């Protein structure tokens, strides 16, 4: 069984390969499922990397951001 840190290293390497010209990369996620990412899905892979980093840090994900302004409706 792979650890979060190992998956993060693999996902970051896959993202780097994709961004430097490789047409597609395959990553195995936490459930053991293999997912192939192409250039069109690079943002999905970046999201997966961010999710792994968030899980490793142990901090809860920010789900809502609210802005209060003095001008407007």
PDB file of N, CA and C in Angstrom:
ATOM      1  N   UNK A   1       0.846  -1.182   0.000  1.00  0.00           N
ATOM      2  CA  UNK A   1       0.000   0.000   0.000  1.00  0.00           C
ATOM      3  C   UNK A   1       0.893   1.247   0.000  1.00  0.00           C
ATOM      4  N   UNK A   2       0.566   2.206  -0.854  1.00  0.00           N
ATOM      5  CA  UNK A   2       1.369   3.415  -0.931  1.00  0.00           C
ATOM      6  C   UNK A   2       0.873   4.457   0.066  1.00  0.00           C
ATOM      7  N   UNK A   3       1.791   5.285   0.497  1.00  0.00           N
ATOM      8  CA  UNK A   3       1.432   6.351   1.428  1.00  0.00           C
ATOM      9  C   UNK A   3       1.041   7.602   0.657  1.00  0.00           C
ATOM     10  N   UNK A   4       0.446   8.562   1.368  1.00  0.00           N
ATOM     11  CA  UNK A   4       0.082   9.830   0.737  1.00  0.00           C
ATOM     12  C   UNK A   4       1.311  10.510   0.146  1.00  0.00           C
ATOM     13  N   UNK A   5       2.414  10.471   0.863  1.00  0.00           N
ATOM     14  CA  UNK A   5       3.638  11.115   0.380  1.00  0.00           C
ATOM     15  C   UNK A   5       4.138  10.465  -0.916  1.00  0.00           C
ATOM     16  N   UNK A   6       4.063   9.158  -1.006  1.00  0.00           N
ATOM     17  CA  UNK A   6       4.476   8.454  -2.222  1.00  0.00           C
ATOM     18  C   UNK A   6       3.560   8.822  -3.395  1.00  0.00           C
ATOM     19  N   UNK A   7       2.255   8.873  -3.128  1.00  0.00           N
ATOM     20  CA  UNK A   7       1.309   9.248  -4.188  1.00  0.00           C
ATOM     21  C   UNK A   7       1.549  10.670  -4.649  1.00  0.00           C
ATOM     22  N   UNK A   8       1.874  11.563  -3.699  1.00  0.00           N
ATOM     23  CA  UNK A   8       2.149  12.950  -4.050  1.00  0.00           C
ATOM     24  C   UNK A   8       3.374  13.045  -4.957  1.00  0.00           C
ATOM     25  N   UNK A   9       4.441  12.329  -4.628  1.00  0.00           N
ATOM     26  CA  UNK A   9       5.649  12.332  -5.457  1.00  0.00           C
ATOM     27  C   UNK A   9       5.322  11.839  -6.865  1.00  0.00           C
ATOM     28  N   UNK A  10       4.566  10.750  -6.960  1.00  0.00           N
ATOM     29  CA  UNK A  10       4.185  10.195  -8.266  1.00  0.00           C
ATOM     30  C   UNK A  10       3.312  11.175  -9.054  1.00  0.00           C
ATOM     31  N   UNK A  11       2.348  11.791  -8.389  1.00  0.00           N
ATOM     32  CA  UNK A  11       1.442  12.718  -9.068  1.00  0.00           C
ATOM     33  C   UNK A  11       2.181  13.967  -9.532  1.00  0.00           C
ATOM     34  N   UNK A  12       3.099  14.484  -8.705  1.00  0.00           N
ATOM     35  CA  UNK A  12       3.876  15.665  -9.114  1.00  0.00           C
ATOM     36  C   UNK A  12       4.793  15.337 -10.289  1.00  0.00           C
ATOM     37  N   UNK A  13       5.378  14.152 -10.285  1.00  0.00           N
ATOM     38  CA  UNK A  13       6.230  13.734 -11.408  1.00  0.00           C
ATOM     39  C   UNK A  13       5.401  13.595 -12.683  1.00  0.00           C
ATOM     40  N   UNK A  14       4.204  13.040 -12.545  1.00  0.00           N
ATOM     41  CA  UNK A  14       3.311  12.897 -13.702  1.00  0.00           C
ATOM     42  C   UNK A  14       2.900  14.268 -14.233  1.00  0.00           C
ATOM     43  N   UNK A  15       2.596  15.197 -13.338  1.00  0.00           N
ATOM     44  CA  UNK A  15       2.208  16.553 -13.749  1.00  0.00           C
ATOM     45  C   UNK A  15       3.381  17.228 -14.461  1.00  0.00           C
ATOM     46  N   UNK A  16       4.578  17.073 -13.937  1.00  0.00           N
ATOM     47  CA  UNK A  16       5.761  17.655 -14.568  1.00  0.00           C
ATOM     48  C   UNK A  16       5.946  17.079 -15.974  1.00  0.00           C
ATOM     49  N   UNK A  17       5.813  15.771 -16.112  1.00  0.00           N
ATOM     50  CA  UNK A  17       5.941  15.137 -17.437  1.00  0.00           C
ATOM     51  C   UNK A  17       4.910  15.690 -18.409  1.00  0.00           C
ATOM     52  N   UNK A  18       3.708  15.851 -17.923  1.00  0.00           N
ATOM     53  CA  UNK A  18       2.627  16.358 -18.774  1.00  0.00           C
ATOM     54  C   UNK A  18       2.906  17.792 -19.209  1.00  0.00           C
ATOM     55  N   UNK A  19       3.398  18.606 -18.291  1.00  0.00           N
ATOM     56  CA  UNK A  19       3.652  20.009 -18.593  1.00  0.00           C
ATOM     57  C   UNK A  19       4.895  20.216 -19.462  1.00  0.00           C
ATOM     58  N   UNK A  20       5.759  19.215 -19.510  1.00  0.00           N
ATOM     59  CA  UNK A  20       6.974  19.356 -20.304  1.00  0.00           C
ATOM     60  C   UNK A  20       6.917  18.568 -21.609  1.00  0.00           C
ATOM     61  N   UNK A  21       5.711  18.260 -22.059  1.00  0.00           N
ATOM     62  CA  UNK A  21       5.576  17.730 -23.407  1.00  0.00           C
ATOM     63  C   UNK A  21       5.047  16.326 -23.569  1.00  0.00           C
ATOM     64  N   UNK A  22       4.963  15.552 -22.531  1.00  0.00           N
ATOM     65  CA  UNK A  22       4.413  14.205 -22.673  1.00  0.00           C
ATOM     66  C   UNK A  22       2.925  14.308 -22.967  1.00  0.00           C
ATOM     67  N   UNK A  23       2.412  13.490 -23.861  1.00  0.00           N
ATOM     68  CA  UNK A  23       1.016  13.628 -24.280  1.00  0.00           C
ATOM     69  C   UNK A  23       0.018  13.080 -23.283  1.00  0.00           C
ATOM     70  N   UNK A  24       0.404  12.088 -22.477  1.00  0.00           N
ATOM     71  CA  UNK A  24      -0.511  11.516 -21.485  1.00  0.00           C
ATOM     72  C   UNK A  24       0.297  10.840 -20.384  1.00  0.00           C
ATOM     73  N   UNK A  25      -0.260  10.860 -19.179  1.00  0.00           N
ATOM     74  CA  UNK A  25       0.361  10.188 -18.033  1.00  0.00           C
ATOM     75  C   UNK A  25      -0.719   9.405 -17.297  1.00  0.00           C
ATOM     76  N   UNK A  26      -0.319   8.329 -16.624  1.00  0.00           N
ATOM     77  CA  UNK A  26      -1.260   7.522 -15.855  1.00  0.00           C
ATOM     78  C   UNK A  26      -0.848   7.559 -14.386  1.00  0.00           C
ATOM     79  N   UNK A  27      -1.842   7.816 -13.529  1.00  0.00           N
ATOM     80  CA  UNK A  27      -1.626   7.907 -12.087  1.00  0.00           C
ATOM     81  C   UNK A  27      -2.601   6.956 -11.408  1.00  0.00           C
ATOM     82  N   UNK A  28      -2.145   6.278 -10.347  1.00  0.00           N
ATOM     83  CA  UNK A  28      -3.018   5.415  -9.553  1.00  0.00           C
ATOM     84  C   UNK A  28      -3.461   6.199  -8.330  1.00  0.00           C
ATOM     85  N   UNK A  29      -4.776   6.345  -8.141  1.00  0.00           N
ATOM     86  CA  UNK A  29      -5.287   7.144  -7.023  1.00  0.00           C
ATOM     87  C   UNK A  29      -5.392   6.306  -5.752  1.00  0.00           C
ATOM     88  N   UNK A  30      -5.905   6.940  -4.671  1.00  0.00           N
ATOM     89  CA  UNK A  30      -5.950   6.284  -3.365  1.00  0.00           C
ATOM     90  C   UNK A  30      -6.807   5.031  -3.333  1.00  0.00           C
ATOM     91  N   UNK A  31      -7.742   4.891  -4.262  1.00  0.00           N
ATOM     92  CA  UNK A  31      -8.585   3.689  -4.277  1.00  0.00           C
ATOM     93  C   UNK A  31      -7.994   2.579  -5.142  1.00  0.00           C
ATOM     94  N   UNK A  32      -6.809   2.842  -5.726  1.00  0.00           N
ATOM     95  CA  UNK A  32      -6.168   1.839  -6.565  1.00  0.00           C
ATOM     96  C   UNK A  32      -6.571   1.909  -8.021  1.00  0.00           C
ATOM     97  N   UNK A  33      -7.385   2.874  -8.376  1.00  0.00           N
ATOM     98  CA  UNK A  33      -7.861   3.040  -9.744  1.00  0.00           C
ATOM     99  C   UNK A  33      -6.835   3.824 -10.556  1.00  0.00           C
ATOM    100  N   UNK A  34      -6.528   3.355 -11.758  1.00  0.00           N
ATOM    101  CA  UNK A  34      -5.601   4.067 -12.636  1.00  0.00           C
ATOM    102  C   UNK A  34      -6.371   5.075 -13.478  1.00  0.00           C
ATOM    103  N   UNK A  35      -5.848   6.305 -13.512  1.00  0.00           N
ATOM    104  CA  UNK A  35      -6.480   7.379 -14.271  1.00  0.00           C
ATOM    105  C   UNK A  35      -5.448   7.942 -15.230  1.00  0.00           C
ATOM    106  N   UNK A  36      -5.822   8.072 -16.507  1.00  0.00           N
ATOM    107  CA  UNK A  36      -4.935   8.646 -17.503  1.00  0.00           C
ATOM    108  C   UNK A  36      -5.309  10.104 -17.719  1.00  0.00           C
ATOM    109  N   UNK A  37      -4.319  10.976 -17.581  1.00  0.00           N
ATOM    110  CA  UNK A  37      -4.516  12.404 -17.783  1.00  0.00           C
ATOM    111  C   UNK A  37      -3.793  12.828 -19.051  1.00  0.00           C
ATOM    112  N   UNK A  38      -4.495  13.556 -19.906  1.00  0.00           N
ATOM    113  CA  UNK A  38      -3.892  14.157 -21.087  1.00  0.00           C
ATOM    114  C   UNK A  38      -3.774  15.647 -20.863  1.00  0.00           C
ATOM    115  N   UNK A  39      -3.236  16.374 -21.831  1.00  0.00           N
ATOM    116  CA  UNK A  39      -3.063  17.824 -21.683  1.00  0.00           C
ATOM    117  C   UNK A  39      -4.389  18.513 -21.359  1.00  0.00           C
ATOM    118  N   UNK A  40      -5.483  18.029 -21.918  1.00  0.00           N
ATOM    119  CA  UNK A  40      -6.786  18.660 -21.682  1.00  0.00           C
ATOM    120  C   UNK A  40      -7.242  18.491 -20.230  1.00  0.00           C
ATOM    121  N   UNK A  41      -6.724  17.494 -19.528  1.00  0.00           N
ATOM    122  CA  UNK A  41      -7.125  17.238 -18.129  1.00  0.00           C
ATOM    123  C   UNK A  41      -6.025  17.597 -17.140  1.00  0.00           C
ATOM    124  N   UNK A  42      -5.077  18.418 -17.568  1.00  0.00           N
ATOM    125  CA  UNK A  42      -3.963  18.805 -16.694  1.00  0.00           C
ATOM    126  C   UNK A  42      -4.466  19.503 -15.436  1.00  0.00           C
ATOM    127  N   UNK A  43      -5.523  20.286 -15.549  1.00  0.00           N
ATOM    128  CA  UNK A  43      -6.057  20.972 -14.368  1.00  0.00           C
ATOM    129  C   UNK A  43      -6.636  19.973 -13.366  1.00  0.00           C
ATOM    130  N   UNK A  44      -7.202  18.873 -13.850  1.00  0.00           N
ATOM    131  CA  UNK A  44      -7.701  17.820 -12.955  1.00  0.00           C
ATOM    132  C   UNK A  44      -6.541  17.188 -12.175  1.00  0.00           C
ATOM    133  N   UNK A  45      -5.435  16.951 -12.871  1.00  0.00           N
ATOM    134  CA  UNK A  45      -4.259  16.379 -12.217  1.00  0.00           C
ATOM    135  C   UNK A  45      -3.686  17.367 -11.201  1.00  0.00           C
ATOM    136  N   UNK A  46      -3.670  18.647 -11.537  1.00  0.00           N
ATOM    137  CA  UNK A  46      -3.195  19.669 -10.591  1.00  0.00           C
ATOM    138  C   UNK A  46      -4.093  19.686  -9.353  1.00  0.00           C
ATOM    139  N   UNK A  47      -5.389  19.510  -9.541  1.00  0.00           N
ATOM    140  CA  UNK A  47      -6.323  19.435  -8.420  1.00  0.00           C
ATOM    141  C   UNK A  47      -6.062  18.221  -7.545  1.00  0.00           C
ATOM    142  N   UNK A  48      -5.724  17.107  -8.173  1.00  0.00           N
ATOM    143  CA  UNK A  48      -5.397  15.881  -7.428  1.00  0.00           C
ATOM    144  C   UNK A  48      -4.139  16.106  -6.582  1.00  0.00           C
ATOM    145  N   UNK A  49      -3.128  16.762  -7.171  1.00  0.00           N
ATOM    146  CA  UNK A  49      -1.901  17.086  -6.432  1.00  0.00           C
ATOM    147  C   UNK A  49      -2.230  17.982  -5.234  1.00  0.00           C
ATOM    148  N   UNK A  50      -3.051  19.010  -5.462  1.00  0.00           N
ATOM    149  CA  UNK A  50      -3.434  19.922  -4.378  1.00  0.00           C
ATOM    150  C   UNK A  50      -4.196  19.181  -3.283  1.00  0.00           C
ATOM    151  N   UNK A  51      -5.061  18.249  -3.680  1.00  0.00           N
ATOM    152  CA  UNK A  51      -5.815  17.462  -2.708  1.00  0.00           C
ATOM    153  C   UNK A  51      -4.893  16.603  -1.859  1.00  0.00           C
ATOM    154  N   UNK A  52      -3.901  15.982  -2.480  1.00  0.00           N
ATOM    155  CA  UNK A  52      -2.940  15.172  -1.725  1.00  0.00           C
ATOM    156  C   UNK A  52      -2.160  16.040  -0.736  1.00  0.00           C
ATOM    157  N   UNK A  53      -1.737  17.232  -1.180  1.00  0.00           N
ATOM    158  CA  UNK A  53      -1.012  18.138  -0.285  1.00  0.00           C
ATOM    159  C   UNK A  53      -1.881  18.541   0.900  1.00  0.00           C
ATOM    160  N   UNK A  54      -3.157  18.790   0.646  1.00  0.00           N
ATOM    161  CA  UNK A  54      -4.086  19.166   1.716  1.00  0.00           C
ATOM    162  C   UNK A  54      -4.257  18.021   2.696  1.00  0.00           C
ATOM    163  N   UNK A  55      -4.374  16.793   2.191  1.00  0.00           N
ATOM    164  CA  UNK A  55      -4.519  15.632   3.071  1.00  0.00           C
ATOM    165  C   UNK A  55      -3.281  15.433   3.937  1.00  0.00           C
ATOM    166  N   UNK A  56      -2.101  15.645   3.353  1.00  0.00           N
ATOM    167  CA  UNK A  56      -0.850  15.484   4.097  1.00  0.00           C
ATOM    168  C   UNK A  56      -0.730  16.545   5.183  1.00  0.00           C
ATOM    169  N   UNK A  57      -1.146  17.768   4.868  1.00  0.00           N
ATOM    170  CA  UNK A  57      -1.032  18.858   5.844  1.00  0.00           C
ATOM    171  C   UNK A  57      -1.992  18.687   7.013  1.00  0.00           C
ATOM    172  N   UNK A  58      -3.094  17.975   6.782  1.00  0.00           N
ATOM    173  CA  UNK A  58      -4.073  17.760   7.832  1.00  0.00           C
ATOM    174  C   UNK A  58      -5.023  18.924   8.049  1.00  0.00           C
ATOM    175  N   UNK A  59      -4.872  19.981   7.260  1.00  0.00           N
ATOM    176  CA  UNK A  59      -5.767  21.136   7.384  1.00  0.00           C
ATOM    177  C   UNK A  59      -7.031  20.891   6.570  1.00  0.00           C
ATOM    178  N   UNK A  60      -8.158  21.343   7.074  1.00  0.00           N
ATOM    179  CA  UNK A  60      -9.399  21.182   6.302  1.00  0.00           C
ATOM    180  C   UNK A  60      -9.366  22.066   5.055  1.00  0.00           C
ATOM    181  N   UNK A  61     -10.003  21.592   4.009  1.00  0.00           N
ATOM    182  CA  UNK A  61     -10.066  22.352   2.761  1.00  0.00           C
ATOM    183  C   UNK A  61     -10.998  23.547   2.912  1.00  0.00           C
ATOM    184  N   UNK A  62     -10.635  24.656   2.273  1.00  0.00           N
ATOM    185  CA  UNK A  62     -11.494  25.832   2.271  1.00  0.00           C
ATOM    186  C   UNK A  62     -12.586  25.599   1.241  1.00  0.00           C
ATOM    187  N   UNK A  63     -13.815  25.668   1.678  1.00  0.00           N
ATOM    188  CA  UNK A  63     -14.920  25.387   0.767  1.00  0.00           C
ATOM    189  C   UNK A  63     -15.672  26.643   0.345  1.00  0.00           C
ATOM    190  N   UNK A  64     -15.680  27.671   1.196  1.00  0.00           N
ATOM    191  CA  UNK A  64     -16.420  28.891   0.889  1.00  0.00           C
ATOM    192  C   UNK A  64     -15.582  30.104   1.274  1.00  0.00           C
ATOM    193  N   UNK A  65     -15.562  31.075   0.389  1.00  0.00           N
ATOM    194  CA  UNK A  65     -14.909  32.346   0.676  1.00  0.00           C
ATOM    195  C   UNK A  65     -15.966  33.425   0.522  1.00  0.00           C
ATOM    196  N   UNK A  66     -16.110  34.249   1.526  1.00  0.00           N
ATOM    197  CA  UNK A  66     -17.094  35.331   1.474  1.00  0.00           C
ATOM    198  C   UNK A  66     -16.380  36.670   1.465  1.00  0.00           C
ATOM    199  N   UNK A  67     -16.911  37.595   0.673  1.00  0.00           N
ATOM    200  CA  UNK A  67     -16.384  38.944   0.606  1.00  0.00           C
ATOM    201  C   UNK A  67     -17.422  39.909   1.089  1.00  0.00           C
ATOM    202  N   UNK A  68     -17.026  40.833   1.927  1.00  0.00           N
ATOM    203  CA  UNK A  68     -17.897  41.925   2.369  1.00  0.00           C
ATOM    204  C   UNK A  68     -17.309  43.218   1.833  1.00  0.00           C
ATOM    205  N   UNK A  69     -18.104  43.967   1.113  1.00  0.00           N
ATOM    206  CA  UNK A  69     -17.627  45.231   0.566  1.00  0.00           C
ATOM    207  C   UNK A  69     -18.521  46.352   1.006  1.00  0.00           C
ATOM    208  N   UNK A  70     -18.010  47.549   0.977  1.00  0.00           N
ATOM    209  CA  UNK A  70     -18.807  48.702   1.385  1.00  0.00           C
ATOM    210  C   UNK A  70     -19.567  49.295   0.215  1.00  0.00           C
ATOM    211  N   UNK A  71     -19.276  48.877  -0.979  1.00  0.00           N
ATOM    212  CA  UNK A  71     -19.964  49.384  -2.176  1.00  0.00           C
ATOM    213  C   UNK A  71     -20.727  48.246  -2.831  1.00  0.00           C
ATOM    214  N   UNK A  72     -21.687  48.586  -3.592  1.00  0.00           N
ATOM    215  CA  UNK A  72     -22.412  47.533  -4.307  1.00  0.00           C
ATOM    216  C   UNK A  72     -23.897  47.609  -4.024  1.00  0.00           C
ATOM    217  N   UNK A  73     -24.552  46.525  -4.246  1.00  0.00           N
ATOM    218  CA  UNK A  73     -26.005  46.489  -4.136  1.00  0.00           C
ATOM    219  C   UNK A  73     -26.436  46.491  -2.696  1.00  0.00           C
TER     220      UNK A  73
END
